[in-house]
Amino acid sequence: VQLQACGGGLVQPGRSLSVSCEASGISFRLPNMAWYRQAPGEPREYLARATSLGSTFYADSVKGRFTISRDRGNTVRLQMNNLKPEDTAVYYCNARLNSGAEYWGTGTQVTVSS
């Protein structure tokens, strides 16, 4: 399974940005796709997860500002609103199978600065 993230960039505080991730190399719909982020010097932080059955889950730190969504295939999107400088990080896509096998994308940089 390969995960390719895109959509990061530089955005001003208070604005919105979305990042997307497409999984390839798999013939069925991934049961779990999620987003994490990692700021410099910090551990990787869980943000949100979307299941193939349509359920979504969020970390308290982003609930109400970030929205995760999936298409009918293996693309997952994270819509980020009212961005803050502390949201600056590399954002990683994650996919997890029911077996526990886990896959990571290469990450996309999001910088929130005026």
C-alpha atoms as a PDB file:
ATOM      1  CA  VAL A   1       0.000   0.000   0.000  1.00  0.00           C
ATOM      2  CA  GLN A   2       1.352   3.410  -0.978  1.00  0.00           C
ATOM      3  CA  LEU A   3      -0.066   6.635   0.410  1.00  0.00           C
ATOM      4  CA  GLN A   4       0.454   9.937  -1.401  1.00  0.00           C
ATOM      5  CA  ALA A   5      -0.496  13.124   0.382  1.00  0.00           C
ATOM      6  CA  CYS A   6      -0.898  16.506  -1.231  1.00  0.00           C
ATOM      7  CA  GLY A   7      -2.384  19.929  -0.582  1.00  0.00           C
ATOM      8  CA  GLY A   8      -0.146  21.395   2.076  1.00  0.00           C
ATOM      9  CA  GLY A   9       1.238  24.899   1.897  1.00  0.00           C
ATOM     10  CA  LEU A  10       1.485  28.284   3.537  1.00  0.00           C
ATOM     11  CA  VAL A  11      -1.699  29.864   4.882  1.00  0.00           C
ATOM     12  CA  GLN A  12      -2.483  32.849   7.085  1.00  0.00           C
ATOM     13  CA  PRO A  13      -3.966  32.396  10.560  1.00  0.00           C
ATOM     14  CA  GLY A  14      -7.743  32.114  10.524  1.00  0.00           C
ATOM     15  CA  ARG A  15      -7.842  30.795   6.968  1.00  0.00           C
ATOM     16  CA  SER A  16      -8.683  27.314   5.699  1.00  0.00           C
ATOM     17  CA  LEU A  17      -6.740  24.632   3.917  1.00  0.00           C
ATOM     18  CA  SER A  18      -7.351  21.023   2.973  1.00  0.00           C
ATOM     19  CA  VAL A  19      -4.972  18.130   2.516  1.00  0.00           C
ATOM     20  CA  SER A  20      -5.752  14.933   0.662  1.00  0.00           C
ATOM     21  CA  CYS A  21      -4.250  11.480   0.534  1.00  0.00           C
ATOM     22  CA  GLU A  22      -4.776   8.733  -1.994  1.00  0.00           C
ATOM     23  CA  ALA A  23      -3.894   5.113  -1.342  1.00  0.00           C
ATOM     24  CA  SER A  24      -2.800   2.840  -4.143  1.00  0.00           C
ATOM     25  CA  GLY A  25      -1.668  -0.747  -4.455  1.00  0.00           C
ATOM     26  CA  ILE A  26      -4.716  -2.194  -2.770  1.00  0.00           C
ATOM     27  CA  SER A  27      -7.811  -3.765  -4.291  1.00  0.00           C
ATOM     28  CA  PHE A  28     -10.297  -3.209  -1.500  1.00  0.00           C
ATOM     29  CA  ARG A  29     -11.505  -0.277   0.535  1.00  0.00           C
ATOM     30  CA  LEU A  30      -9.243   0.396   3.486  1.00  0.00           C
ATOM     31  CA  PRO A  31     -11.138  -0.037   6.762  1.00  0.00           C
ATOM     32  CA  ASN A  32      -9.411   2.881   8.480  1.00  0.00           C
ATOM     33  CA  MET A  33      -7.741   6.001   7.121  1.00  0.00           C
ATOM     34  CA  ALA A  34      -6.459   8.701   9.420  1.00  0.00           C
ATOM     35  CA  TRP A  35      -4.471  11.905   9.673  1.00  0.00           C
ATOM     36  CA  TYR A  36      -1.635  12.649  12.051  1.00  0.00           C
ATOM     37  CA  ARG A  37       0.761  15.559  12.290  1.00  0.00           C
ATOM     38  CA  GLN A  38       4.202  16.187  13.689  1.00  0.00           C
ATOM     39  CA  ALA A  39       5.619  19.550  14.607  1.00  0.00           C
ATOM     40  CA  PRO A  40       9.388  20.039  14.961  1.00  0.00           C
ATOM     41  CA  GLY A  41      10.653  18.507  18.178  1.00  0.00           C
ATOM     42  CA  GLU A  42       7.259  17.043  19.018  1.00  0.00           C
ATOM     43  CA  PRO A  43       5.878  13.492  18.868  1.00  0.00           C
ATOM     44  CA  ARG A  44       3.493  12.528  16.121  1.00  0.00           C
ATOM     45  CA  GLU A  45      -0.046  13.547  17.065  1.00  0.00           C
ATOM     46  CA  TYR A  46      -3.270  11.796  16.089  1.00  0.00           C
ATOM     47  CA  LEU A  47      -5.881  14.103  14.540  1.00  0.00           C
ATOM     48  CA  ALA A  48      -8.782  12.215  13.005  1.00  0.00           C
ATOM     49  CA  ARG A  49      -9.889   8.865  11.613  1.00  0.00           C
ATOM     50  CA  ALA A  50     -12.514   7.805   9.081  1.00  0.00           C
ATOM     51  CA  THR A  51     -13.714   4.244   8.651  1.00  0.00           C
ATOM     52  CA  SER A  52     -14.995   2.524   5.533  1.00  0.00           C
ATOM     53  CA  LEU A  53     -18.416   2.353   7.187  1.00  0.00           C
ATOM     54  CA  GLY A  54     -18.666   6.123   7.388  1.00  0.00           C
ATOM     55  CA  SER A  55     -17.753   6.734  11.021  1.00  0.00           C
ATOM     56  CA  THR A  56     -15.426   9.584  11.921  1.00  0.00           C
ATOM     57  CA  PHE A  57     -13.435  10.270  15.067  1.00  0.00           C
ATOM     58  CA  TYR A  58     -11.457  13.314  16.182  1.00  0.00           C
ATOM     59  CA  ALA A  59      -8.867  14.313  18.690  1.00  0.00           C
ATOM     60  CA  ASP A  60     -10.163  16.918  21.111  1.00  0.00           C
ATOM     61  CA  SER A  61      -7.498  19.350  19.918  1.00  0.00           C
ATOM     62  CA  VAL A  62      -9.075  19.658  16.449  1.00  0.00           C
ATOM     63  CA  LYS A  63     -12.724  18.778  17.040  1.00  0.00           C
ATOM     64  CA  GLY A  64     -14.945  21.464  15.551  1.00  0.00           C
ATOM     65  CA  ARG A  65     -12.188  22.934  13.348  1.00  0.00           C
ATOM     66  CA  PHE A  66     -11.053  19.954  11.279  1.00  0.00           C
ATOM     67  CA  THR A  67     -13.255  17.634   9.215  1.00  0.00           C
ATOM     68  CA  ILE A  68     -12.163  14.296   7.814  1.00  0.00           C
ATOM     69  CA  SER A  69     -13.938  12.740   4.847  1.00  0.00           C
ATOM     70  CA  ARG A  70     -13.500   9.855   2.471  1.00  0.00           C
ATOM     71  CA  ASP A  71     -14.646   9.153  -1.019  1.00  0.00           C
ATOM     72  CA  ARG A  72     -15.994   5.785  -2.097  1.00  0.00           C
ATOM     73  CA  GLY A  73     -12.473   4.575  -2.767  1.00  0.00           C
ATOM     74  CA  ASN A  74      -9.288   5.115  -0.821  1.00  0.00           C
ATOM     75  CA  THR A  75      -8.908   8.861  -0.813  1.00  0.00           C
ATOM     76  CA  VAL A  76      -9.156  10.711   2.462  1.00  0.00           C
ATOM     77  CA  ARG A  77      -9.344  14.453   2.901  1.00  0.00           C
ATOM     78  CA  LEU A  78      -8.799  16.696   5.918  1.00  0.00           C
ATOM     79  CA  GLN A  79     -10.497  20.077   5.797  1.00  0.00           C
ATOM     80  CA  MET A  80      -8.876  22.479   8.256  1.00  0.00           C
ATOM     81  CA  ASN A  81     -10.637  25.693   9.227  1.00  0.00           C
ATOM     82  CA  ASN A  82      -9.633  28.621  11.407  1.00  0.00           C
ATOM     83  CA  LEU A  83      -6.010  27.570  11.260  1.00  0.00           C
ATOM     84  CA  LYS A  84      -3.631  28.683  13.996  1.00  0.00           C
ATOM     85  CA  PRO A  85       0.146  29.007  14.039  1.00  0.00           C
ATOM     86  CA  GLU A  86       0.281  25.980  16.347  1.00  0.00           C
ATOM     87  CA  ASP A  87      -1.238  23.894  13.538  1.00  0.00           C
ATOM     88  CA  THR A  88       2.061  24.221  11.700  1.00  0.00           C
ATOM     89  CA  ALA A  89       3.412  20.719  11.178  1.00  0.00           C
ATOM     90  CA  VAL A  90       4.004  17.968   8.685  1.00  0.00           C
ATOM     91  CA  TYR A  91       0.708  16.183   8.118  1.00  0.00           C
ATOM     92  CA  TYR A  92       0.783  12.441   7.578  1.00  0.00           C
ATOM     93  CA  CYS A  93      -1.807  10.124   6.145  1.00  0.00           C
ATOM     94  CA  ASN A  94      -2.208   6.723   7.805  1.00  0.00           C
ATOM     95  CA  ALA A  95      -4.020   3.574   6.745  1.00  0.00           C
ATOM     96  CA  ARG A  96      -4.681   0.606   8.985  1.00  0.00           C
ATOM     97  CA  LEU A  97      -6.011  -2.826   8.109  1.00  0.00           C
ATOM     98  CA  ASN A  98      -8.132  -4.977  10.389  1.00  0.00           C
ATOM     99  CA  SER A  99      -5.080  -7.221  10.784  1.00  0.00           C
ATOM    100  CA  GLY A 100      -3.273  -4.330  12.447  1.00  0.00           C
ATOM    101  CA  ALA A 101      -0.943  -3.687   9.529  1.00  0.00           C
ATOM    102  CA  GLU A 102      -0.281   0.011   9.235  1.00  0.00           C
ATOM    103  CA  TYR A 103       0.954   2.224   6.417  1.00  0.00           C
ATOM    104  CA  TRP A 104       2.167   5.820   6.364  1.00  0.00           C
ATOM    105  CA  GLY A 105       2.350   8.440   3.667  1.00  0.00           C
ATOM    106  CA  THR A 106       5.358  10.685   3.146  1.00  0.00           C
ATOM    107  CA  GLY A 107       3.761  13.756   4.689  1.00  0.00           C
ATOM    108  CA  THR A 108       2.881  17.221   3.503  1.00  0.00           C
ATOM    109  CA  GLN A 109       3.968  20.470   5.162  1.00  0.00           C
ATOM    110  CA  VAL A 110       1.358  22.892   6.470  1.00  0.00           C
ATOM    111  CA  THR A 111       2.627  26.257   7.660  1.00  0.00           C
ATOM    112  CA  VAL A 112       0.318  28.771   9.322  1.00  0.00           C
ATOM    113  CA  SER A 113       1.917  32.188   9.432  1.00  0.00           C
ATOM    114  CA  SER A 114       1.156  35.784   8.664  1.00  0.00           C
END
